[in-house]
Amino acid sequence: MKKRFMALLLALMLVLSLAACGQSTAASTTETEEKNEVPKAVTELSREDEILLNGELKKGEYTNRYFGLKVTMPKGGTLTRLNDDATESTEALSLAKAYEEGQGGLIFWGEIDGVNGYFNMSIQALDENKVGLSEEELVNAHIEEMWEINKAFGDDEKPDLITVTVAGEEHPASLSVTQTNSGEQRYITVFFPKGDFVCSVSFSVTGEGEEPLLACFDRI
């Protein structure tokens, strides 16, 4: 599962990169060799806020007081910080370094035995033009972006705007559905913005089996 997600993530990054390159074919060799850009909000982070954004991961439980979120994996569940494959966080990672290395923020992966699906959670700086947007506005922007990516792959299907219950609250979300050899694959994405940063969570399941994954989230 993890390898499939990382392959998809790299493919999406490639599409977005090609789209950006298409706007300017005169990029120099020097420009292509530059490090990945670190958002201003990340460079201005205090160490205290960086530690809060990292949260704490221990024994299948993740607590993030910056966003007021808690993730508790049930028996047979695993939660991993993909930046360094850690299942327990012994120290806060540098967000600036995560951007420089092309990871685009902090990334967590969760799955449960017997559930045909997974979720990935990312913590990253919002694009400057998205700071201050509501959850629904972020979802709508995401829907438009994913629609463009879908069309680039020859699929003109636009994701839907839906409502899901996460952490005991109703939240707007995007829903994409694709047909695979294993059946109908559902992709659901929600956003938790705060200040210049956002925690986004994407659930991927076969059929409508997202409830056990959604149930892992709670408010603190």
Protein backbone atom coordinates (compact mmCIF):
# COMPACT_ATOMS: atom_id res chain seq x y z
CA MET A 1 0.00 0.00 0.00
CA LYS A 2 2.71 2.47 1.05
CA LYS A 3 4.67 1.96 -2.17
CA ARG A 4 1.54 2.51 -4.25
CA PHE A 5 0.78 5.76 -2.43
CA MET A 6 4.33 7.07 -2.82
CA ALA A 7 4.25 6.22 -6.53
CA LEU A 8 0.97 8.13 -6.89
CA LEU A 9 2.36 11.06 -4.92
CA LEU A 10 5.43 11.23 -7.17
CA ALA A 11 3.21 11.06 -10.25
CA LEU A 12 1.08 13.96 -9.02
CA MET A 13 4.19 15.99 -8.20
CA LEU A 14 5.48 15.29 -11.73
CA VAL A 15 2.23 16.46 -13.33
CA LEU A 16 2.25 19.68 -11.32
CA SER A 17 5.92 20.20 -12.15
CA LEU A 18 5.30 19.73 -15.86
CA ALA A 19 2.38 22.14 -15.73
CA ALA A 20 4.60 24.75 -14.13
CA CYS A 21 7.35 24.15 -16.67
CA GLY A 22 4.87 24.60 -19.50
CA GLN A 23 4.42 28.22 -18.44
CA SER A 24 8.07 28.96 -19.13
CA THR A 25 10.24 26.95 -21.50
CA ALA A 26 13.22 29.23 -20.92
CA ALA A 27 14.19 27.89 -17.48
CA SER A 28 17.96 27.81 -17.13
CA THR A 29 20.10 24.92 -15.90
CA THR A 30 20.95 26.99 -12.83
CA GLU A 31 17.25 27.34 -11.97
CA THR A 32 16.59 23.60 -12.27
CA GLU A 33 19.48 22.88 -9.90
CA GLU A 34 18.11 25.14 -7.15
CA LYS A 35 16.84 23.61 -3.92
CA ASN A 36 13.12 23.11 -3.44
CA GLU A 37 11.51 26.32 -2.21
CA VAL A 38 10.82 26.66 1.51
CA PRO A 39 7.63 28.66 2.24
CA LYS A 40 8.09 31.93 4.11
CA ALA A 41 5.79 30.75 6.90
CA VAL A 42 8.16 27.83 7.50
CA THR A 43 11.33 29.95 7.55
CA GLU A 44 9.71 32.25 10.14
CA LEU A 45 8.61 29.44 12.48
CA SER A 46 9.76 29.60 16.09
CA ARG A 47 11.16 26.37 17.47
CA GLU A 48 8.23 26.20 19.88
CA ASP A 49 5.66 26.37 17.06
CA GLU A 50 7.65 23.85 15.00
CA ILE A 51 7.48 21.40 17.91
CA LEU A 52 3.72 21.99 18.18
CA LEU A 53 3.26 21.41 14.44
CA ASN A 54 5.22 18.15 14.69
CA GLY A 55 3.01 16.79 17.44
CA GLU A 56 3.82 13.61 19.35
CA LEU A 57 3.70 10.06 17.98
CA LYS A 58 3.92 7.19 20.45
CA LYS A 59 2.61 3.61 20.45
CA GLY A 60 0.07 4.13 17.67
CA GLU A 61 -1.23 7.39 19.09
CA TYR A 62 -0.57 10.82 17.59
CA THR A 63 -1.40 14.08 19.36
CA ASN A 64 -1.18 17.45 17.63
CA ARG A 65 -2.08 20.33 19.95
CA TYR A 66 -1.51 22.95 17.25
CA PHE A 67 -4.51 21.66 15.29
CA GLY A 68 -6.30 20.17 18.30
CA LEU A 69 -6.31 16.70 16.76
CA LYS A 70 -5.65 13.24 18.17
CA VAL A 71 -5.26 10.03 16.16
CA THR A 72 -5.59 6.72 17.97
CA MET A 73 -4.96 3.54 16.03
CA PRO A 74 -6.95 0.46 17.17
CA LYS A 75 -5.41 -2.94 17.77
CA GLY A 76 -3.88 -4.12 14.51
CA GLY A 77 -3.35 -0.56 13.31
CA THR A 78 -0.08 1.20 12.56
CA LEU A 79 0.80 4.86 12.22
CA THR A 80 4.10 5.86 10.63
CA ARG A 81 5.82 9.19 10.00
CA LEU A 82 6.92 8.67 6.41
CA ASN A 83 9.60 11.39 6.51
CA ASP A 84 11.83 9.05 8.48
CA ASP A 85 9.71 5.85 8.75
CA ALA A 86 9.34 6.44 12.51
CA THR A 87 6.54 4.82 14.49
CA GLU A 88 7.51 6.90 17.53
CA SER A 89 8.73 10.50 17.38
CA THR A 90 11.83 11.00 19.53
CA GLU A 91 12.42 14.53 18.24
CA ALA A 92 10.70 17.20 16.18
CA LEU A 93 11.67 17.23 12.51
CA SER A 94 12.69 20.41 10.71
CA LEU A 95 9.90 21.51 8.37
CA ALA A 96 12.40 23.57 6.37
CA LYS A 97 14.49 20.45 5.77
CA ALA A 98 11.38 18.48 4.79
CA TYR A 99 10.67 21.09 2.11
CA GLU A 100 14.28 21.24 0.95
CA GLU A 101 14.26 17.46 0.48
CA GLY A 102 11.06 17.62 -1.58
CA GLN A 103 8.76 16.09 1.05
CA GLY A 104 6.58 19.20 1.21
CA GLY A 105 5.95 18.99 4.96
CA LEU A 106 5.36 16.24 7.52
CA ILE A 107 3.64 13.11 6.23
CA PHE A 108 1.98 10.35 8.27
CA TRP A 109 0.56 7.04 7.08
CA GLY A 110 -2.10 4.97 8.88
CA GLU A 111 -3.58 1.55 8.14
CA ILE A 112 -5.56 -1.07 10.03
CA ASP A 113 -5.43 -4.85 9.65
CA GLY A 114 -8.56 -6.10 7.90
CA VAL A 115 -9.44 -2.70 6.44
CA ASN A 116 -8.91 -2.48 2.69
CA GLY A 117 -7.62 1.07 2.74
CA TYR A 118 -5.39 3.61 4.46
CA PHE A 119 -5.11 7.31 5.27
CA ASN A 120 -2.28 9.74 4.81
CA MET A 121 -2.03 12.94 6.81
CA SER A 122 0.16 15.89 5.87
CA ILE A 123 1.09 19.01 7.78
CA GLN A 124 2.31 21.83 5.60
CA ALA A 125 2.27 25.57 4.97
CA LEU A 126 -0.67 26.92 3.03
CA ASP A 127 -0.03 28.60 -0.29
CA GLU A 128 -0.09 32.35 0.31
CA ASN A 129 -3.27 32.71 -1.79
CA LYS A 130 -5.02 30.12 0.42
CA VAL A 131 -4.24 31.59 3.84
CA GLY A 132 -7.51 32.53 5.53
CA LEU A 133 -9.70 30.27 3.38
CA SER A 134 -12.38 28.20 5.11
CA GLU A 135 -12.39 24.40 5.07
CA GLU A 136 -14.98 24.38 2.29
CA GLU A 137 -13.02 26.89 0.21
CA LEU A 138 -9.90 24.74 0.55
CA VAL A 139 -11.87 21.65 -0.46
CA ASN A 140 -13.27 23.42 -3.53
CA ALA A 141 -9.77 24.58 -4.52
CA HIS A 142 -8.56 20.99 -4.09
CA ILE A 143 -11.41 19.70 -6.26
CA GLU A 144 -10.42 22.07 -9.08
CA GLU A 145 -6.74 21.07 -8.79
CA MET A 146 -7.52 17.35 -8.80
CA TRP A 147 -9.86 17.83 -11.76
CA GLU A 148 -7.00 19.35 -13.74
CA ILE A 149 -4.75 16.42 -12.78
CA ASN A 150 -7.47 13.92 -13.74
CA LYS A 151 -7.82 15.56 -17.15
CA ALA A 152 -4.05 15.38 -17.63
CA PHE A 153 -4.39 11.60 -17.22
CA GLY A 154 -7.32 11.45 -19.66
CA ASP A 155 -10.05 11.29 -17.01
CA ASP A 156 -12.59 14.13 -17.16
CA GLU A 157 -14.33 13.08 -13.92
CA LYS A 158 -14.61 15.96 -11.44
CA PRO A 159 -14.43 15.12 -7.69
CA ASP A 160 -17.58 15.75 -5.65
CA LEU A 161 -18.06 18.01 -2.63
CA ILE A 162 -19.44 15.90 0.25
CA THR A 163 -19.68 16.02 4.05
CA VAL A 164 -18.00 13.49 6.34
CA THR A 165 -17.80 13.11 10.12
CA VAL A 166 -14.22 13.38 11.36
CA ALA A 167 -13.25 13.85 15.02
CA GLY A 168 -16.92 13.90 15.96
CA GLU A 169 -17.69 16.87 13.69
CA GLU A 170 -19.06 17.27 10.19
CA HIS A 171 -16.51 18.58 7.70
CA PRO A 172 -16.64 19.36 3.97
CA ALA A 173 -14.57 16.93 1.90
CA SER A 174 -13.75 16.02 -1.67
CA LEU A 175 -14.65 12.60 -3.04
CA SER A 176 -13.03 10.97 -6.05
CA VAL A 177 -14.13 7.53 -7.26
CA THR A 178 -12.20 5.30 -9.64
CA GLN A 179 -12.75 1.74 -10.82
CA THR A 180 -9.96 -0.76 -10.14
CA ASN A 181 -9.55 -4.53 -10.47
CA SER A 182 -10.43 -4.78 -6.77
CA GLY A 183 -13.60 -2.72 -7.11
CA GLU A 184 -14.60 0.88 -6.58
CA GLN A 185 -11.80 2.96 -5.04
CA ARG A 186 -12.88 6.00 -2.99
CA TYR A 187 -10.58 8.92 -2.16
CA ILE A 188 -11.81 11.36 0.50
CA THR A 189 -9.85 14.47 1.54
CA VAL A 190 -10.52 16.90 4.40
CA PHE A 191 -8.64 20.00 5.59
CA PHE A 192 -7.97 21.46 9.04
CA PRO A 193 -6.49 24.95 8.51
CA LYS A 194 -5.02 27.13 11.23
CA GLY A 195 -3.11 30.32 10.58
CA ASP A 196 -0.51 29.81 7.85
CA PHE A 197 -0.64 26.00 8.09
CA VAL A 198 -2.99 23.16 7.33
CA CYS A 199 -3.42 19.53 8.32
CA SER A 200 -4.92 17.63 5.41
CA VAL A 201 -6.08 14.03 5.64
CA SER A 202 -6.84 11.78 2.67
CA PHE A 203 -8.61 8.44 3.07
CA SER A 204 -8.41 5.78 0.37
CA VAL A 205 -10.65 2.71 0.60
CA THR A 206 -12.18 0.05 -1.60
CA GLY A 207 -15.95 0.35 -1.46
CA GLU A 208 -17.40 2.33 1.44
CA GLY A 209 -15.15 1.05 4.21
CA GLU A 210 -13.78 4.39 5.42
CA GLU A 211 -15.60 4.40 8.79
CA PRO A 212 -12.88 2.52 10.78
CA LEU A 213 -10.29 4.98 9.47
CA LEU A 214 -12.45 8.05 10.16
CA ALA A 215 -13.04 6.72 13.70
CA CYS A 216 -9.31 7.01 14.48
CA PHE A 217 -9.61 10.82 14.69
CA ASP A 218 -10.73 12.83 17.67
CA ARG A 219 -10.53 16.38 19.02
CA ILE A 220 -8.47 17.44 22.05
